[in-house]
Amino acid sequence: MQEIPDLAPNVFGFEQTYKSNKITALDYLSWFKKQFDKQLLAYLSEKRQEAKEINPETVVLVDEIIRFTQNGGKRVRPAFMYSGYVAAGGKAHEAILFASLSVELLHTFALIHDDIIDNSDLRRGELTTHKAFEEYHKTRKLKGNKKEFGLSSAILAGDLAFSFAEEILTTAPFPQERIRKARYFFDQMKIQVIYGQYLDVLGGYKEGLSEDEVLQVLEYKTAKYTVERPLHIGAMLAGSDYQTLETFSRYGIPFGQAFQMQDDIVGTFGIEEEIGKPSDSDIKEGKKTLLLAKAYERADKTQTKVLNQIVGNKSATRADIAKVKKIMEQTGAYDYCVKLAKELLVQAKKAVADTKFKDEGKGYLIAAVDYLNERF
């Protein structure tokens, strides 16, 4: 029987601290990503070999996870998990680096399935997983329906990434009591993002959403999943107390909501070359953003008629999209969302500013707030 591994090999070494007294969010993320990606590839390379030993045909599933994870991604969730661990006084840097693979592979699972739900062809400019498997079906000249094969294989690739995430946190080299507590918040992260995703899907089939409904979707689909729970997992692996968890919640929820609100604002009003996607996609898809909810709430009859004609219309022209953006500005929806996001960022920064967290972890949390503020 194969022995249980203690830790996936990190043959590259690890820079144990960020080598600058002044932390900026993008520089810190870039530094972390460099360490993280090497460890991620080392782990997935091991899993690829395991798959090959079972049956060479199964290697394609791991290869797809490798392709998907290497196709961009800032590693925001593992960076928050890492910074939560460091802020709470954790010092086992290679161990937390390995453990943080769990939240990234959970995210891989969620995105693969999300692309199926949205029937998306592209992710970060490359084929989505179900489309990549359609191409694999074509290349291998397999029989049957390539779309069905693509969907089935993508679901399984997503499930495999989920299984890897589970394995990583279970086998991470930390005391079992810390693993047990961390797993509670990891489980909450999984459960809550599914609820948030369903509320988001349901919103697309409802006539409209109130501000409270939109904010709840932002809380569960983004804030808890992207920020709060990764911080909690890191804190538990550091052996932290529940007061630290409460502080991370006071930071993570408003920061995560502001993060998604800003992403929606930039996604609609940003320059396409800078944001890396069409600035009309949210409007054409009828995405239930707070921008849209407030525009509908404040629109007069004429404006509402225009919104109803254009929002969700995949054939909308540039002139149509411009009309919706103008209504968002005329109704004050744009200004409202910017103001609310900035207020949420003030709350987040205040939550950690006067704490006794360790400088590196605390510095990144504050730098992340400053970065979002600068993007407005």
Protein backbone atom coordinates (compact mmCIF):
# COMPACT_ATOMS: atom_id res chain seq x y z
CA MET A 1 0.00 0.00 0.00
CA GLN A 2 1.24 3.49 -0.87
CA GLU A 3 2.39 5.56 2.09
CA ILE A 4 0.47 8.72 2.95
CA PRO A 5 2.60 11.70 1.88
CA ASP A 6 3.43 14.28 4.53
CA LEU A 7 3.71 17.19 2.13
CA ALA A 8 3.90 17.68 -1.62
CA PRO A 9 7.55 18.37 -2.40
CA ASN A 10 8.54 22.00 -2.60
CA VAL A 11 11.76 21.68 -4.55
CA PHE A 12 11.87 25.38 -5.31
CA GLY A 13 12.25 26.71 -1.77
CA PHE A 14 10.19 29.51 -0.29
CA GLU A 15 10.97 33.15 0.40
CA GLN A 16 9.76 33.16 3.97
CA THR A 17 8.88 36.82 4.19
CA TYR A 18 7.97 39.57 1.80
CA LYS A 19 11.22 41.45 1.23
CA SER A 20 9.92 45.01 1.50
CA ASN A 21 8.79 47.16 4.40
CA LYS A 22 6.22 48.91 2.21
CA ILE A 23 3.56 46.47 1.02
CA THR A 24 1.53 47.24 -2.08
CA ALA A 25 -1.29 44.89 -2.99
CA LEU A 26 -0.20 44.09 -6.55
CA ASP A 27 3.47 43.60 -5.63
CA TYR A 28 2.51 41.34 -2.74
CA LEU A 29 0.15 39.29 -4.90
CA SER A 30 2.84 38.98 -7.58
CA TRP A 31 5.37 37.78 -4.97
CA PHE A 32 2.91 35.31 -3.48
CA LYS A 33 1.76 34.01 -6.86
CA LYS A 34 5.35 33.24 -7.85
CA GLN A 35 5.79 31.03 -4.75
CA PHE A 36 2.31 29.57 -4.97
CA ASP A 37 2.31 28.57 -8.64
CA LYS A 38 5.49 26.54 -8.27
CA GLN A 39 3.94 24.59 -5.38
CA LEU A 40 0.66 24.14 -7.26
CA LEU A 41 2.41 22.74 -10.32
CA ALA A 42 4.52 20.40 -8.15
CA TYR A 43 1.36 19.03 -6.54
CA LEU A 44 -0.56 18.64 -9.81
CA SER A 45 2.45 16.97 -11.43
CA GLU A 46 2.30 14.33 -8.69
CA LYS A 47 -1.42 13.85 -9.29
CA ARG A 48 -0.77 13.52 -13.01
CA GLN A 49 1.65 10.66 -12.36
CA GLU A 50 -0.89 8.97 -10.07
CA ALA A 51 -3.52 9.22 -12.81
CA LYS A 52 -1.12 7.76 -15.36
CA GLU A 53 -0.51 4.76 -13.12
CA ILE A 54 -4.25 4.15 -12.84
CA ASN A 55 -4.93 4.51 -16.56
CA PRO A 56 -3.20 6.82 -19.06
CA GLU A 57 -6.61 7.89 -20.38
CA THR A 58 -7.38 9.66 -17.07
CA VAL A 59 -4.36 11.96 -17.35
CA VAL A 60 -6.39 14.32 -19.54
CA LEU A 61 -8.48 15.32 -16.51
CA VAL A 62 -5.41 16.43 -14.55
CA ASP A 63 -3.94 18.06 -17.64
CA GLU A 64 -7.09 20.14 -17.97
CA ILE A 65 -6.83 21.27 -14.34
CA ILE A 66 -3.21 22.24 -14.98
CA ARG A 67 -4.19 24.15 -18.13
CA PHE A 68 -7.05 25.87 -16.36
CA THR A 69 -5.05 26.92 -13.28
CA GLN A 70 -2.16 28.21 -15.39
CA ASN A 71 -4.48 30.35 -17.50
CA GLY A 72 -4.33 33.52 -15.41
CA GLY A 73 -5.80 34.08 -11.98
CA LYS A 74 -4.31 36.38 -9.33
CA ARG A 75 -4.49 33.78 -6.48
CA VAL A 76 -6.55 36.19 -4.38
CA ARG A 77 -8.15 33.50 -2.18
CA PRO A 78 -4.96 31.63 -1.23
CA ALA A 79 -3.26 35.00 -0.67
CA PHE A 80 -5.95 35.92 1.87
CA MET A 81 -5.62 32.50 3.50
CA TYR A 82 -1.86 32.98 3.70
CA SER A 83 -2.09 36.55 4.99
CA GLY A 84 -4.67 35.51 7.60
CA TYR A 85 -2.26 32.83 8.81
CA VAL A 86 0.71 35.21 8.91
CA ALA A 87 -1.31 38.03 10.52
CA ALA A 88 -2.40 35.62 13.27
CA GLY A 89 1.23 34.76 14.03
CA GLY A 90 1.72 31.60 11.97
CA LYS A 91 5.31 30.78 11.02
CA ALA A 92 5.17 27.46 9.15
CA HIS A 93 5.42 29.13 5.75
CA GLU A 94 5.85 26.08 3.52
CA ALA A 95 3.02 24.29 5.30
CA ILE A 96 0.54 27.15 4.83
CA LEU A 97 1.67 27.58 1.23
CA PHE A 98 0.76 23.94 0.60
CA ALA A 99 -2.52 24.19 2.54
CA SER A 100 -3.56 27.27 0.59
CA LEU A 101 -3.65 25.19 -2.60
CA SER A 102 -6.96 23.90 -1.25
CA VAL A 103 -8.90 27.15 -1.72
CA GLU A 104 -7.48 27.71 -5.22
CA LEU A 105 -8.47 24.22 -6.37
CA LEU A 106 -11.89 24.70 -4.79
CA HIS A 107 -12.11 27.88 -6.88
CA THR A 108 -11.08 25.90 -9.98
CA PHE A 109 -13.94 23.49 -9.33
CA ALA A 110 -16.39 26.38 -8.89
CA LEU A 111 -15.30 28.19 -12.07
CA ILE A 112 -15.44 25.06 -14.23
CA HIS A 113 -19.00 24.40 -13.10
CA ASP A 114 -19.89 28.11 -13.29
CA ASP A 115 -18.86 28.16 -16.95
CA ILE A 116 -21.18 25.23 -17.58
CA ILE A 117 -24.06 27.04 -15.84
CA ASP A 118 -23.38 30.20 -17.87
CA ASN A 119 -22.80 28.25 -21.10
CA SER A 120 -19.58 30.23 -21.55
CA ASP A 121 -17.18 29.52 -24.38
CA LEU A 122 -14.20 31.44 -22.99
CA ARG A 123 -12.53 31.97 -19.62
CA ARG A 124 -9.69 34.53 -19.46
CA GLY A 125 -9.48 34.50 -23.23
CA GLU A 126 -9.07 30.70 -23.49
CA LEU A 127 -11.53 27.85 -23.97
CA THR A 128 -13.63 26.93 -20.98
CA THR A 129 -13.23 23.36 -19.75
CA HIS A 130 -16.34 21.95 -21.41
CA LYS A 131 -15.34 23.57 -24.70
CA ALA A 132 -11.77 22.26 -24.34
CA PHE A 133 -13.14 18.73 -23.98
CA GLU A 134 -15.29 19.24 -27.07
CA GLU A 135 -12.05 19.96 -28.93
CA TYR A 136 -10.46 16.88 -27.33
CA HIS A 137 -13.41 14.81 -28.59
CA LYS A 138 -12.85 16.19 -32.09
CA THR A 139 -9.06 15.67 -32.01
CA ARG A 140 -9.38 12.09 -30.76
CA LYS A 141 -12.11 11.43 -33.34
CA LEU A 142 -14.33 9.92 -30.68
CA LYS A 143 -17.82 8.81 -31.57
CA GLY A 144 -21.04 10.30 -30.22
CA ASN A 145 -22.09 13.83 -29.33
CA LYS A 146 -19.10 16.08 -28.63
CA LYS A 147 -21.16 18.53 -26.55
CA GLU A 148 -22.39 15.80 -24.22
CA PHE A 149 -18.83 14.48 -23.90
CA GLY A 150 -17.56 17.99 -23.18
CA LEU A 151 -20.11 18.61 -20.43
CA SER A 152 -19.62 15.20 -18.81
CA SER A 153 -15.83 15.48 -18.83
CA ALA A 154 -15.88 19.06 -17.51
CA ILE A 155 -18.13 18.08 -14.61
CA LEU A 156 -15.71 15.28 -13.75
CA ALA A 157 -12.67 17.59 -14.05
CA GLY A 158 -14.37 20.03 -11.70
CA ASP A 159 -15.17 17.22 -9.27
CA LEU A 160 -11.55 16.07 -9.42
CA ALA A 161 -10.32 19.58 -8.55
CA PHE A 162 -12.77 19.53 -5.64
CA SER A 163 -11.34 16.19 -4.48
CA PHE A 164 -7.79 17.56 -4.68
CA ALA A 165 -8.85 20.53 -2.56
CA GLU A 166 -10.24 18.18 0.07
CA GLU A 167 -7.11 16.02 0.06
CA ILE A 168 -4.76 18.99 0.45
CA LEU A 169 -6.40 20.43 3.54
CA THR A 170 -6.81 16.99 5.10
CA THR A 171 -3.13 16.09 4.64
CA ALA A 172 -1.60 19.50 5.35
CA PRO A 173 1.15 19.21 7.99
CA PHE A 174 -0.60 20.92 10.90
CA PRO A 175 -1.82 19.57 14.26
CA GLN A 176 -5.05 17.65 13.80
CA GLU A 177 -7.04 19.95 16.10
CA ARG A 178 -6.09 22.92 13.94
CA ILE A 179 -7.03 21.00 10.81
CA ARG A 180 -10.40 20.13 12.37
CA LYS A 181 -11.20 23.77 13.13
CA ALA A 182 -9.95 24.95 9.74
CA ARG A 183 -12.07 22.31 8.00
CA TYR A 184 -15.19 23.72 9.64
CA PHE A 185 -14.63 27.05 7.90
CA PHE A 186 -13.55 25.34 4.68
CA ASP A 187 -16.84 23.43 4.72
CA GLN A 188 -18.73 26.67 5.36
CA MET A 189 -16.91 28.23 2.41
CA LYS A 190 -18.08 25.41 0.12
CA ILE A 191 -21.67 25.44 1.33
CA GLN A 192 -22.12 29.21 1.32
CA VAL A 193 -20.73 29.79 -2.17
CA ILE A 194 -23.21 27.24 -3.55
CA TYR A 195 -26.09 29.06 -1.84
CA GLY A 196 -24.75 32.36 -3.18
CA GLN A 197 -24.40 30.93 -6.67
CA TYR A 198 -27.97 29.63 -6.59
CA LEU A 199 -29.30 33.01 -5.45
CA ASP A 200 -27.37 34.56 -8.35
CA VAL A 201 -28.84 32.04 -10.82
CA LEU A 202 -32.33 32.57 -9.38
CA GLY A 203 -31.91 36.33 -9.71
CA GLY A 204 -31.50 35.92 -13.43
CA TYR A 205 -35.00 34.44 -13.62
CA LYS A 206 -36.70 37.01 -11.37
CA GLU A 207 -38.21 40.27 -12.59
CA GLY A 208 -35.92 42.34 -10.39
CA LEU A 209 -33.77 42.32 -7.27
CA SER A 210 -33.76 44.72 -4.35
CA GLU A 211 -30.57 46.24 -2.94
CA ASP A 212 -30.72 43.88 0.05
CA GLU A 213 -31.04 40.85 -2.23
CA VAL A 214 -28.08 41.95 -4.35
CA LEU A 215 -25.95 42.61 -1.27
CA GLN A 216 -26.77 39.14 0.08
CA VAL A 217 -25.62 37.57 -3.18
CA LEU A 218 -22.41 39.63 -2.94
CA GLU A 219 -21.92 38.50 0.66
CA TYR A 220 -22.26 34.79 -0.01
CA LYS A 221 -20.92 34.47 -3.54
CA THR A 222 -17.97 36.84 -3.11
CA ALA A 223 -17.30 38.28 0.36
CA LYS A 224 -17.41 35.07 2.40
CA TYR A 225 -16.00 32.90 -0.36
CA THR A 226 -13.17 35.16 -1.50
CA VAL A 227 -12.12 36.95 1.68
CA GLU A 228 -13.72 36.03 5.01
CA ARG A 229 -13.49 32.23 4.93
CA PRO A 230 -9.93 32.07 3.53
CA LEU A 231 -8.87 34.42 6.35
CA HIS A 232 -10.67 32.22 8.87
CA ILE A 233 -9.02 29.05 7.56
CA GLY A 234 -5.58 30.64 7.77
CA ALA A 235 -6.27 31.91 11.29
CA MET A 236 -7.38 28.47 12.49
CA LEU A 237 -4.26 26.83 11.08
CA ALA A 238 -2.22 29.42 13.01
CA GLY A 239 -3.98 28.36 16.21
CA SER A 240 -5.74 31.69 16.59
CA ASP A 241 -8.68 32.59 18.85
CA TYR A 242 -12.25 33.45 17.96
CA GLN A 243 -11.74 37.16 18.56
CA THR A 244 -9.40 37.13 15.56
CA LEU A 245 -12.12 35.41 13.51
CA GLU A 246 -14.59 38.16 14.41
CA THR A 247 -12.08 40.81 13.35
CA PHE A 248 -11.53 39.04 10.03
CA SER A 249 -15.32 38.94 9.51
CA ARG A 250 -15.59 42.68 10.13
CA TYR A 251 -12.89 43.11 7.50
CA GLY A 252 -13.84 40.40 5.04
CA ILE A 253 -17.58 41.03 4.52
CA PRO A 254 -17.44 44.75 3.67
CA PHE A 255 -14.20 44.34 1.72
CA GLY A 256 -15.61 41.46 -0.32
CA GLN A 257 -18.83 43.32 -1.09
CA ALA A 258 -16.90 46.43 -2.13
CA PHE A 259 -14.57 44.24 -4.21
CA GLN A 260 -17.45 42.79 -6.22
CA MET A 261 -19.28 46.12 -6.50
CA GLN A 262 -16.15 47.75 -7.87
CA ASP A 263 -15.64 44.86 -10.28
CA ASP A 264 -19.19 45.41 -11.55
CA ILE A 265 -18.63 49.17 -11.87
CA VAL A 266 -15.33 48.75 -13.71
CA GLY A 267 -16.84 45.96 -15.82
CA THR A 268 -19.50 48.37 -17.08
CA PHE A 269 -17.73 51.72 -17.17
CA GLY A 270 -14.10 50.64 -17.58
CA ILE A 271 -11.98 50.67 -20.73
CA GLU A 272 -12.17 47.28 -22.46
CA GLU A 273 -8.42 47.09 -23.13
CA GLU A 274 -7.72 47.62 -19.44
CA ILE A 275 -10.37 45.32 -17.94
CA GLY A 276 -9.71 42.49 -20.43
CA LYS A 277 -13.35 41.86 -21.36
CA PRO A 278 -16.16 43.63 -23.25
CA SER A 279 -17.65 46.45 -21.16
CA ASP A 280 -21.12 45.61 -22.48
CA SER A 281 -21.20 41.98 -21.30
CA ASP A 282 -22.91 42.57 -17.93
CA ILE A 283 -25.68 44.61 -19.54
CA LYS A 284 -26.18 42.18 -22.44
CA GLU A 285 -26.33 39.25 -19.99
CA GLY A 286 -28.73 41.14 -17.70
CA LYS A 287 -26.43 40.56 -14.74
CA LYS A 288 -28.22 41.63 -11.56
CA THR A 289 -25.63 44.07 -10.23
CA LEU A 290 -26.30 46.73 -7.62
CA LEU A 291 -25.76 49.27 -10.40
CA LEU A 292 -28.66 47.80 -12.32
CA ALA A 293 -30.86 47.34 -9.23
CA LYS A 294 -30.46 51.00 -8.23
CA ALA A 295 -31.01 52.18 -11.82
CA TYR A 296 -34.31 50.32 -11.97
CA GLU A 297 -35.30 51.50 -8.50
CA ARG A 298 -34.79 55.16 -9.42
CA ALA A 299 -35.77 55.16 -13.09
CA ASP A 300 -38.88 56.96 -14.36
CA LYS A 301 -41.32 55.25 -16.74
CA THR A 302 -39.42 56.27 -19.87
CA GLN A 303 -36.07 55.13 -18.47
CA THR A 304 -37.57 51.86 -17.24
CA LYS A 305 -38.89 51.17 -20.73
CA VAL A 306 -35.40 51.71 -22.18
CA LEU A 307 -33.84 49.43 -19.56
CA ASN A 308 -36.39 46.69 -20.26
CA GLN A 309 -35.66 46.86 -23.99
CA ILE A 310 -31.86 46.69 -23.69
CA VAL A 311 -30.86 44.86 -20.49
CA GLY A 312 -30.48 41.15 -21.22
CA ASN A 313 -30.58 41.73 -24.99
CA LYS A 314 -27.55 39.97 -26.43
CA SER A 315 -28.02 41.85 -29.71
CA ALA A 316 -27.83 45.28 -28.07
CA THR A 317 -25.72 47.80 -30.00
CA ARG A 318 -23.04 50.12 -28.66
CA ALA A 319 -25.59 52.93 -28.82
CA ASP A 320 -28.02 50.83 -26.75
CA ILE A 321 -25.36 50.11 -24.13
CA ALA A 322 -24.52 53.81 -23.96
CA LYS A 323 -28.18 54.57 -23.19
CA VAL A 324 -28.15 52.17 -20.21
CA LYS A 325 -24.92 53.64 -18.88
CA LYS A 326 -26.39 57.14 -19.20
CA ILE A 327 -29.46 56.07 -17.21
CA MET A 328 -27.21 54.63 -14.50
CA GLU A 329 -25.57 58.03 -14.26
CA GLN A 330 -28.76 60.10 -14.55
CA THR A 331 -30.55 58.15 -11.81
CA GLY A 332 -27.57 58.44 -9.48
CA ALA A 333 -27.08 54.65 -9.45
CA TYR A 334 -23.42 55.03 -10.42
CA ASP A 335 -22.66 57.62 -7.73
CA TYR A 336 -24.59 55.62 -5.14
CA CYS A 337 -22.61 52.44 -5.78
CA VAL A 338 -19.26 54.23 -5.75
CA LYS A 339 -20.12 55.95 -2.46
CA LEU A 340 -21.36 52.73 -0.84
CA ALA A 341 -18.28 50.78 -1.95
CA LYS A 342 -15.99 53.45 -0.50
CA GLU A 343 -17.92 53.39 2.79
CA LEU A 344 -17.54 49.60 2.95
CA LEU A 345 -13.78 49.93 2.36
CA VAL A 346 -13.55 52.40 5.26
CA GLN A 347 -15.27 49.80 7.47
CA ALA A 348 -12.87 47.08 6.35
CA LYS A 349 -9.75 49.16 6.96
CA LYS A 350 -10.98 50.32 10.36
CA ALA A 351 -11.52 46.68 11.41
CA VAL A 352 -7.81 45.81 11.18
CA ALA A 353 -6.02 49.18 11.45
CA ASP A 354 -5.52 49.16 15.23
CA THR A 355 -5.09 45.42 15.76
CA LYS A 356 -1.93 43.72 16.95
CA PHE A 357 -1.74 41.47 13.90
CA LYS A 358 1.71 40.73 12.53
CA ASP A 359 2.96 43.41 10.14
CA GLU A 360 3.20 41.33 6.96
CA GLY A 361 -0.32 39.90 7.06
CA LYS A 362 -1.88 43.11 8.37
CA GLY A 363 0.05 45.14 5.81
CA TYR A 364 -1.42 43.17 2.93
CA LEU A 365 -4.98 43.52 4.25
CA ILE A 366 -4.60 47.30 4.45
CA ALA A 367 -2.83 47.48 1.09
CA ALA A 368 -5.69 45.57 -0.53
CA VAL A 369 -8.15 48.21 0.72
CA ASP A 370 -5.91 51.02 -0.53
CA TYR A 371 -5.64 49.37 -3.94
CA LEU A 372 -9.42 49.17 -4.37
CA ASN A 373 -9.77 52.81 -3.32
CA GLU A 374 -7.23 53.85 -5.92
CA ARG A 375 -9.17 52.12 -8.71
CA PHE A 376 -12.18 54.44 -8.37
